[in-house]
Amino acid sequence: MLDSTSSIRSLFLNGPAGRLEALLNSGAGNATHAALVCHPHPLFGGTMHNKVVFHTMKALNSFGLPVLRFNFRGTGLSQGEHDNGVGEVDDVHTALDWLDAEFHLPLIFAGFSFGAAVGLRAGCPDPRVQAVIGVGTPVATVAEATEQAREYSFDFLRECSKPKLLVGGARDQFGPRAKLEALVASMPEPKKLVLIEGADHFFEGRLRELRQVIEAWVKETIGPRPAAFS
């Protein structure tokens, strides 16, 4: 498995609001894709070191893919200030541009919570991104959850024809089952929704199952692991 040999590189990306702190988990020399994973809401403690982000990275990295994580503007050592999900879309573009320039490979996007809300908006229309993953996608309205969900609209997913995986917890207050099912029903194929029973928004006690879901979908979508990583 790549987990035992993958190295981690610390770097900074030149973002529109200043430098963005990032980590790259290296991939195999014959990697077929490169991947980006975005973190949850920075005003609620979200960083690229979040457990869900880490396990999502590990799932993708286990296929030999180089995986980039970064801190949104104003988070950790990243410069700038939080921009309520507007400028953060540009941060995602910056990360996708870096991955494209560095590896010249098709890209996979994954994001958790806020990272899904802003990152899917950047990744879905980008022709370099071949598949997208939304984890804990915050589809609830303010009345059903908190202020965190106020500005999120996912209407753009109705035009997203690339492979899409949405993974949620069956007890996620930010992603009620009915709303996730309605969102997925509105999206074109190919698409998949997986709800993990007993899981909350942060997949406490269910992180292994989250990783298994992502790994199974990646295998189905881009093919099995290289023999060296099986």
C-alpha atoms as a PDB file:
ATOM      1  CA  MET A   1       0.000   0.000   0.000  1.00  0.00           C
ATOM      2  CA  LEU A   2       1.179   3.525  -0.750  1.00  0.00           C
ATOM      3  CA  ASP A   3       0.375   4.582   2.822  1.00  0.00           C
ATOM      4  CA  SER A   4       3.654   3.122   4.078  1.00  0.00           C
ATOM      5  CA  THR A   5       5.891   4.873   1.547  1.00  0.00           C
ATOM      6  CA  SER A   6       4.139   8.122   0.642  1.00  0.00           C
ATOM      7  CA  SER A   7       6.135  11.227   1.532  1.00  0.00           C
ATOM      8  CA  ILE A   8       4.657  14.581   2.561  1.00  0.00           C
ATOM      9  CA  ARG A   9       5.847  17.866   1.090  1.00  0.00           C
ATOM     10  CA  SER A  10       5.088  21.200   2.745  1.00  0.00           C
ATOM     11  CA  LEU A  11       4.685  24.143   0.366  1.00  0.00           C
ATOM     12  CA  PHE A  12       2.949  27.435  -0.323  1.00  0.00           C
ATOM     13  CA  LEU A  13       0.706  28.239  -3.285  1.00  0.00           C
ATOM     14  CA  ASN A  14       0.541  31.746  -4.716  1.00  0.00           C
ATOM     15  CA  GLY A  15      -3.142  32.540  -4.204  1.00  0.00           C
ATOM     16  CA  PRO A  16      -5.139  35.657  -5.150  1.00  0.00           C
ATOM     17  CA  ALA A  17      -5.176  36.873  -1.528  1.00  0.00           C
ATOM     18  CA  GLY A  18      -1.591  35.841  -0.748  1.00  0.00           C
ATOM     19  CA  ARG A  19       0.208  32.593  -0.166  1.00  0.00           C
ATOM     20  CA  LEU A  20      -1.754  29.475   0.776  1.00  0.00           C
ATOM     21  CA  GLU A  21      -0.259  26.900   3.120  1.00  0.00           C
ATOM     22  CA  ALA A  22      -0.396  23.411   1.598  1.00  0.00           C
ATOM     23  CA  LEU A  23       0.650  19.785   2.005  1.00  0.00           C
ATOM     24  CA  LEU A  24       1.239  17.323  -0.816  1.00  0.00           C
ATOM     25  CA  ASN A  25       1.169  13.573  -0.229  1.00  0.00           C
ATOM     26  CA  SER A  26       3.276  12.095  -2.998  1.00  0.00           C
ATOM     27  CA  GLY A  27       1.918   9.569  -5.448  1.00  0.00           C
ATOM     28  CA  ALA A  28       3.211   6.743  -7.591  1.00  0.00           C
ATOM     29  CA  GLY A  29       5.423   7.382 -10.596  1.00  0.00           C
ATOM     30  CA  ASN A  30       2.708   5.935 -12.826  1.00  0.00           C
ATOM     31  CA  ALA A  31      -0.201   7.825 -11.191  1.00  0.00           C
ATOM     32  CA  THR A  32      -3.234   8.122 -13.455  1.00  0.00           C
ATOM     33  CA  HIS A  33      -4.720  11.165 -11.695  1.00  0.00           C
ATOM     34  CA  ALA A  34      -3.876  13.832  -9.127  1.00  0.00           C
ATOM     35  CA  ALA A  35      -6.329  14.882  -6.425  1.00  0.00           C
ATOM     36  CA  LEU A  36      -7.310  17.861  -4.294  1.00  0.00           C
ATOM     37  CA  VAL A  37      -9.082  17.681  -0.915  1.00  0.00           C
ATOM     38  CA  CYS A  38     -10.623  20.822   0.670  1.00  0.00           C
ATOM     39  CA  HIS A  39     -11.313  21.370   4.353  1.00  0.00           C
ATOM     40  CA  PRO A  40     -14.426  22.407   6.339  1.00  0.00           C
ATOM     41  CA  HIS A  41     -15.421  25.876   7.503  1.00  0.00           C
ATOM     42  CA  PRO A  42     -12.418  27.801   8.896  1.00  0.00           C
ATOM     43  CA  LEU A  43     -14.565  29.895  11.240  1.00  0.00           C
ATOM     44  CA  PHE A  44     -15.661  26.666  12.933  1.00  0.00           C
ATOM     45  CA  GLY A  45     -12.166  25.237  13.341  1.00  0.00           C
ATOM     46  CA  GLY A  46     -11.760  23.660   9.915  1.00  0.00           C
ATOM     47  CA  THR A  47      -8.228  23.165   8.556  1.00  0.00           C
ATOM     48  CA  MET A  48      -6.450  20.828   6.170  1.00  0.00           C
ATOM     49  CA  HIS A  49      -5.581  18.677   9.212  1.00  0.00           C
ATOM     50  CA  ASN A  50      -9.249  17.808   9.841  1.00  0.00           C
ATOM     51  CA  LYS A  51      -9.795  14.063  10.388  1.00  0.00           C
ATOM     52  CA  VAL A  52     -12.339  13.720   7.584  1.00  0.00           C
ATOM     53  CA  VAL A  53     -10.009  15.536   5.183  1.00  0.00           C
ATOM     54  CA  PHE A  54      -7.128  13.296   6.277  1.00  0.00           C
ATOM     55  CA  HIS A  55      -9.068  10.077   5.725  1.00  0.00           C
ATOM     56  CA  THR A  56     -10.352  11.295   2.363  1.00  0.00           C
ATOM     57  CA  MET A  57      -6.753  12.064   1.366  1.00  0.00           C
ATOM     58  CA  LYS A  58      -5.653   8.599   2.506  1.00  0.00           C
ATOM     59  CA  ALA A  59      -8.380   6.936   0.445  1.00  0.00           C
ATOM     60  CA  LEU A  60      -7.242   8.740  -2.713  1.00  0.00           C
ATOM     61  CA  ASN A  61      -3.531   8.382  -1.966  1.00  0.00           C
ATOM     62  CA  SER A  62      -3.936   4.612  -1.565  1.00  0.00           C
ATOM     63  CA  PHE A  63      -4.480   4.433  -5.344  1.00  0.00           C
ATOM     64  CA  GLY A  64      -1.068   5.971  -5.955  1.00  0.00           C
ATOM     65  CA  LEU A  65      -2.491   9.442  -6.596  1.00  0.00           C
ATOM     66  CA  PRO A  66      -0.613  12.548  -5.428  1.00  0.00           C
ATOM     67  CA  VAL A  67      -3.034  14.415  -3.151  1.00  0.00           C
ATOM     68  CA  LEU A  68      -2.904  18.115  -2.299  1.00  0.00           C
ATOM     69  CA  ARG A  69      -4.488  19.694   0.768  1.00  0.00           C
ATOM     70  CA  PHE A  70      -4.316  23.397   1.583  1.00  0.00           C
ATOM     71  CA  ASN A  71      -5.618  25.922   4.110  1.00  0.00           C
ATOM     72  CA  PHE A  72      -8.109  28.427   2.778  1.00  0.00           C
ATOM     73  CA  ARG A  73      -7.232  32.126   3.017  1.00  0.00           C
ATOM     74  CA  GLY A  74      -6.909  33.328   6.605  1.00  0.00           C
ATOM     75  CA  THR A  75      -6.495  29.786   7.966  1.00  0.00           C
ATOM     76  CA  GLY A  76      -3.298  28.471   9.547  1.00  0.00           C
ATOM     77  CA  LEU A  77      -0.345  30.078   7.774  1.00  0.00           C
ATOM     78  CA  SER A  78      -2.422  31.071   4.729  1.00  0.00           C
ATOM     79  CA  GLN A  79      -2.593  34.791   4.089  1.00  0.00           C
ATOM     80  CA  GLY A  80      -5.718  36.875   3.518  1.00  0.00           C
ATOM     81  CA  GLU A  81      -9.056  36.924   5.309  1.00  0.00           C
ATOM     82  CA  HIS A  82     -12.075  34.649   5.240  1.00  0.00           C
ATOM     83  CA  ASP A  83     -14.364  35.703   2.366  1.00  0.00           C
ATOM     84  CA  ASN A  84     -17.623  33.870   3.142  1.00  0.00           C
ATOM     85  CA  GLY A  85     -17.082  31.273   0.441  1.00  0.00           C
ATOM     86  CA  VAL A  86     -16.630  33.740  -2.430  1.00  0.00           C
ATOM     87  CA  GLY A  87     -12.873  34.245  -2.603  1.00  0.00           C
ATOM     88  CA  GLU A  88     -12.414  30.678  -1.412  1.00  0.00           C
ATOM     89  CA  VAL A  89     -13.627  29.452  -4.795  1.00  0.00           C
ATOM     90  CA  ASP A  90     -10.631  31.273  -6.267  1.00  0.00           C
ATOM     91  CA  ASP A  91      -8.409  29.534  -3.713  1.00  0.00           C
ATOM     92  CA  VAL A  92      -9.634  26.207  -5.088  1.00  0.00           C
ATOM     93  CA  HIS A  93      -8.858  27.357  -8.638  1.00  0.00           C
ATOM     94  CA  THR A  94      -5.336  28.198  -7.463  1.00  0.00           C
ATOM     95  CA  ALA A  95      -4.875  24.692  -6.063  1.00  0.00           C
ATOM     96  CA  LEU A  96      -6.241  23.063  -9.229  1.00  0.00           C
ATOM     97  CA  ASP A  97      -3.921  25.208 -11.351  1.00  0.00           C
ATOM     98  CA  TRP A  98      -0.935  24.127  -9.251  1.00  0.00           C
ATOM     99  CA  LEU A  99      -1.816  20.437  -9.513  1.00  0.00           C
ATOM    100  CA  ASP A 100      -2.277  20.731 -13.269  1.00  0.00           C
ATOM    101  CA  ALA A 101       1.073  22.505 -13.731  1.00  0.00           C
ATOM    102  CA  GLU A 102       2.892  20.098 -11.416  1.00  0.00           C
ATOM    103  CA  PHE A 103       1.578  16.759 -12.703  1.00  0.00           C
ATOM    104  CA  HIS A 104      -0.201  17.284 -16.053  1.00  0.00           C
ATOM    105  CA  LEU A 105      -2.718  14.620 -15.051  1.00  0.00           C
ATOM    106  CA  PRO A 106      -6.525  14.466 -14.939  1.00  0.00           C
ATOM    107  CA  LEU A 107      -7.763  15.743 -11.585  1.00  0.00           C
ATOM    108  CA  ILE A 108     -10.154  14.478  -8.930  1.00  0.00           C
ATOM    109  CA  PHE A 109     -11.745  16.945  -6.525  1.00  0.00           C
ATOM    110  CA  ALA A 110     -12.957  16.098  -3.015  1.00  0.00           C
ATOM    111  CA  GLY A 111     -14.217  18.436  -0.319  1.00  0.00           C
ATOM    112  CA  PHE A 112     -15.709  18.147   3.141  1.00  0.00           C
ATOM    113  CA  SER A 113     -18.581  20.401   4.303  1.00  0.00           C
ATOM    114  CA  PHE A 114     -17.620  24.016   3.473  1.00  0.00           C
ATOM    115  CA  GLY A 115     -14.845  22.541   1.334  1.00  0.00           C
ATOM    116  CA  ALA A 116     -17.454  20.680  -0.689  1.00  0.00           C
ATOM    117  CA  ALA A 117     -19.728  23.707  -0.989  1.00  0.00           C
ATOM    118  CA  VAL A 118     -17.051  25.988  -2.448  1.00  0.00           C
ATOM    119  CA  GLY A 119     -14.885  23.340  -4.101  1.00  0.00           C
ATOM    120  CA  LEU A 120     -17.618  21.648  -6.107  1.00  0.00           C
ATOM    121  CA  ARG A 121     -18.469  25.072  -7.509  1.00  0.00           C
ATOM    122  CA  ALA A 122     -14.901  25.361  -8.792  1.00  0.00           C
ATOM    123  CA  GLY A 123     -14.354  21.751  -9.772  1.00  0.00           C
ATOM    124  CA  CYS A 124     -17.549  20.857 -11.613  1.00  0.00           C
ATOM    125  CA  PRO A 125     -17.135  23.282 -14.555  1.00  0.00           C
ATOM    126  CA  ASP A 126     -13.350  22.780 -14.770  1.00  0.00           C
ATOM    127  CA  PRO A 127     -12.567  20.445 -17.709  1.00  0.00           C
ATOM    128  CA  ARG A 128      -9.369  19.283 -16.000  1.00  0.00           C
ATOM    129  CA  VAL A 129     -11.422  17.776 -13.158  1.00  0.00           C
ATOM    130  CA  GLN A 130     -12.751  14.387 -14.224  1.00  0.00           C
ATOM    131  CA  ALA A 131     -14.622  13.354 -11.067  1.00  0.00           C
ATOM    132  CA  VAL A 132     -15.862  15.043  -7.880  1.00  0.00           C
ATOM    133  CA  ILE A 133     -16.580  13.940  -4.310  1.00  0.00           C
ATOM    134  CA  GLY A 134     -18.691  15.827  -1.782  1.00  0.00           C
ATOM    135  CA  VAL A 135     -18.389  14.628   1.826  1.00  0.00           C
ATOM    136  CA  GLY A 136     -20.836  15.982   4.390  1.00  0.00           C
ATOM    137  CA  THR A 137     -22.223  18.339   1.741  1.00  0.00           C
ATOM    138  CA  PRO A 138     -24.094  21.079   3.674  1.00  0.00           C
ATOM    139  CA  VAL A 139     -27.487  21.198   1.968  1.00  0.00           C
ATOM    140  CA  ALA A 140     -29.541  22.198   5.043  1.00  0.00           C
ATOM    141  CA  THR A 141     -31.130  25.632   5.273  1.00  0.00           C
ATOM    142  CA  VAL A 142     -30.563  28.062   8.129  1.00  0.00           C
ATOM    143  CA  ALA A 143     -33.847  27.095   9.755  1.00  0.00           C
ATOM    144  CA  GLU A 144     -32.765  23.458   9.794  1.00  0.00           C
ATOM    145  CA  ALA A 145     -29.171  23.905  10.914  1.00  0.00           C
ATOM    146  CA  THR A 146     -27.053  27.010  11.466  1.00  0.00           C
ATOM    147  CA  GLU A 147     -25.772  30.154   9.806  1.00  0.00           C
ATOM    148  CA  GLN A 148     -23.052  28.044   8.215  1.00  0.00           C
ATOM    149  CA  ALA A 149     -25.469  26.804   5.548  1.00  0.00           C
ATOM    150  CA  ARG A 150     -27.038  30.144   4.617  1.00  0.00           C
ATOM    151  CA  GLU A 151     -25.356  30.942   1.310  1.00  0.00           C
ATOM    152  CA  TYR A 152     -24.897  27.478  -0.121  1.00  0.00           C
ATOM    153  CA  SER A 153     -26.665  26.704  -3.365  1.00  0.00           C
ATOM    154  CA  PHE A 154     -26.008  23.565  -5.352  1.00  0.00           C
ATOM    155  CA  ASP A 155     -28.105  24.336  -8.431  1.00  0.00           C
ATOM    156  CA  PHE A 156     -24.919  24.214 -10.519  1.00  0.00           C
ATOM    157  CA  LEU A 157     -24.741  20.456  -9.932  1.00  0.00           C
ATOM    158  CA  ARG A 158     -27.698  20.063 -12.300  1.00  0.00           C
ATOM    159  CA  GLU A 159     -25.235  20.809 -15.113  1.00  0.00           C
ATOM    160  CA  CYS A 160     -22.401  18.630 -13.783  1.00  0.00           C
ATOM    161  CA  SER A 161     -22.210  15.556 -16.013  1.00  0.00           C
ATOM    162  CA  LYS A 162     -18.908  14.167 -14.688  1.00  0.00           C
ATOM    163  CA  PRO A 163     -18.871  11.295 -12.139  1.00  0.00           C
ATOM    164  CA  LYS A 164     -20.133  12.504  -8.756  1.00  0.00           C
ATOM    165  CA  LEU A 165     -20.067  10.889  -5.313  1.00  0.00           C
ATOM    166  CA  LEU A 166     -21.867  12.381  -2.331  1.00  0.00           C
ATOM    167  CA  VAL A 167     -21.201  10.751   1.037  1.00  0.00           C
ATOM    168  CA  GLY A 168     -23.167  11.758   4.116  1.00  0.00           C
ATOM    169  CA  GLY A 169     -23.936  10.609   7.598  1.00  0.00           C
ATOM    170  CA  ALA A 170     -27.474   9.396   8.233  1.00  0.00           C
ATOM    171  CA  ARG A 171     -27.501  11.656  11.338  1.00  0.00           C
ATOM    172  CA  ASP A 172     -25.868  14.698   9.696  1.00  0.00           C
ATOM    173  CA  GLN A 173     -27.740  17.846  10.759  1.00  0.00           C
ATOM    174  CA  PHE A 174     -26.194  19.757   7.824  1.00  0.00           C
ATOM    175  CA  GLY A 175     -27.136  17.091   5.300  1.00  0.00           C
ATOM    176  CA  PRO A 176     -30.624  15.725   5.974  1.00  0.00           C
ATOM    177  CA  ARG A 177     -31.369  12.560   4.021  1.00  0.00           C
ATOM    178  CA  ALA A 178     -34.385  13.983   2.180  1.00  0.00           C
ATOM    179  CA  LYS A 179     -32.498  17.049   0.980  1.00  0.00           C
ATOM    180  CA  LEU A 180     -29.479  15.035  -0.141  1.00  0.00           C
ATOM    181  CA  GLU A 181     -31.705  12.600  -1.993  1.00  0.00           C
ATOM    182  CA  ALA A 182     -33.517  15.494  -3.699  1.00  0.00           C
ATOM    183  CA  LEU A 183     -30.212  17.082  -4.694  1.00  0.00           C
ATOM    184  CA  VAL A 184     -28.887  13.843  -6.140  1.00  0.00           C
ATOM    185  CA  ALA A 185     -32.152  13.257  -7.999  1.00  0.00           C
ATOM    186  CA  SER A 186     -31.696  16.634  -9.711  1.00  0.00           C
ATOM    187  CA  MET A 187     -28.192  15.790 -10.944  1.00  0.00           C
ATOM    188  CA  PRO A 188     -27.371  14.057 -14.231  1.00  0.00           C
ATOM    189  CA  GLU A 189     -25.669  10.676 -14.340  1.00  0.00           C
ATOM    190  CA  PRO A 190     -23.157   9.375 -13.422  1.00  0.00           C
ATOM    191  CA  LYS A 191     -23.842   9.932  -9.721  1.00  0.00           C
ATOM    192  CA  LYS A 192     -23.892   8.069  -6.438  1.00  0.00           C
ATOM    193  CA  LEU A 193     -25.173   8.875  -2.952  1.00  0.00           C
ATOM    194  CA  VAL A 194     -24.004   6.878   0.054  1.00  0.00           C
ATOM    195  CA  LEU A 195     -25.406   7.525   3.544  1.00  0.00           C
ATOM    196  CA  ILE A 196     -23.462   5.926   6.372  1.00  0.00           C
ATOM    197  CA  GLU A 197     -25.816   4.746   9.088  1.00  0.00           C
ATOM    198  CA  GLY A 198     -25.100   6.108  12.559  1.00  0.00           C
ATOM    199  CA  ALA A 199     -22.697   8.769  11.271  1.00  0.00           C
ATOM    200  CA  ASP A 200     -22.977  12.457  12.157  1.00  0.00           C
ATOM    201  CA  HIS A 201     -21.575  15.399  10.195  1.00  0.00           C
ATOM    202  CA  PHE A 202     -18.009  14.632  11.321  1.00  0.00           C
ATOM    203  CA  PHE A 203     -18.297  10.840  10.866  1.00  0.00           C
ATOM    204  CA  GLU A 204     -17.263  10.257  14.474  1.00  0.00           C
ATOM    205  CA  GLY A 205     -16.604   6.545  14.892  1.00  0.00           C
ATOM    206  CA  ARG A 206     -17.321   5.992  11.180  1.00  0.00           C
ATOM    207  CA  LEU A 207     -14.156   7.299   9.511  1.00  0.00           C
ATOM    208  CA  ARG A 208     -13.074   3.831   8.389  1.00  0.00           C
ATOM    209  CA  GLU A 209     -16.413   3.313   6.677  1.00  0.00           C
ATOM    210  CA  LEU A 210     -16.096   6.719   5.017  1.00  0.00           C
ATOM    211  CA  ARG A 211     -12.713   5.764   3.649  1.00  0.00           C
ATOM    212  CA  GLN A 212     -14.021   2.418   2.391  1.00  0.00           C
ATOM    213  CA  VAL A 213     -16.894   4.128   0.562  1.00  0.00           C
ATOM    214  CA  ILE A 214     -14.519   6.525  -1.189  1.00  0.00           C
ATOM    215  CA  GLU A 215     -12.079   3.750  -2.080  1.00  0.00           C
ATOM    216  CA  ALA A 216     -14.843   1.584  -3.560  1.00  0.00           C
ATOM    217  CA  TRP A 217     -16.113   4.480  -5.686  1.00  0.00           C
ATOM    218  CA  VAL A 218     -12.630   5.439  -6.894  1.00  0.00           C
ATOM    219  CA  LYS A 219     -11.971   1.823  -7.889  1.00  0.00           C
ATOM    220  CA  GLU A 220     -15.251   1.763  -9.786  1.00  0.00           C
ATOM    221  CA  THR A 221     -14.695   5.174 -11.392  1.00  0.00           C
ATOM    222  CA  ILE A 222     -11.003   5.292 -12.343  1.00  0.00           C
ATOM    223  CA  GLY A 223      -9.969   1.657 -12.014  1.00  0.00           C
ATOM    224  CA  PRO A 224      -8.213  -0.598  -9.486  1.00  0.00           C
ATOM    225  CA  ARG A 225      -5.052   0.253  -7.593  1.00  0.00           C
ATOM    226  CA  PRO A 226      -1.762  -0.375  -9.380  1.00  0.00           C
ATOM    227  CA  ALA A 227      -0.455  -3.838  -8.511  1.00  0.00           C
ATOM    228  CA  ALA A 228       2.243  -2.398  -6.265  1.00  0.00           C
ATOM    229  CA  PHE A 229      -0.396  -0.782  -4.035  1.00  0.00           C
ATOM    230  CA  SER A 230      -3.006  -3.536  -3.887  1.00  0.00           C
END
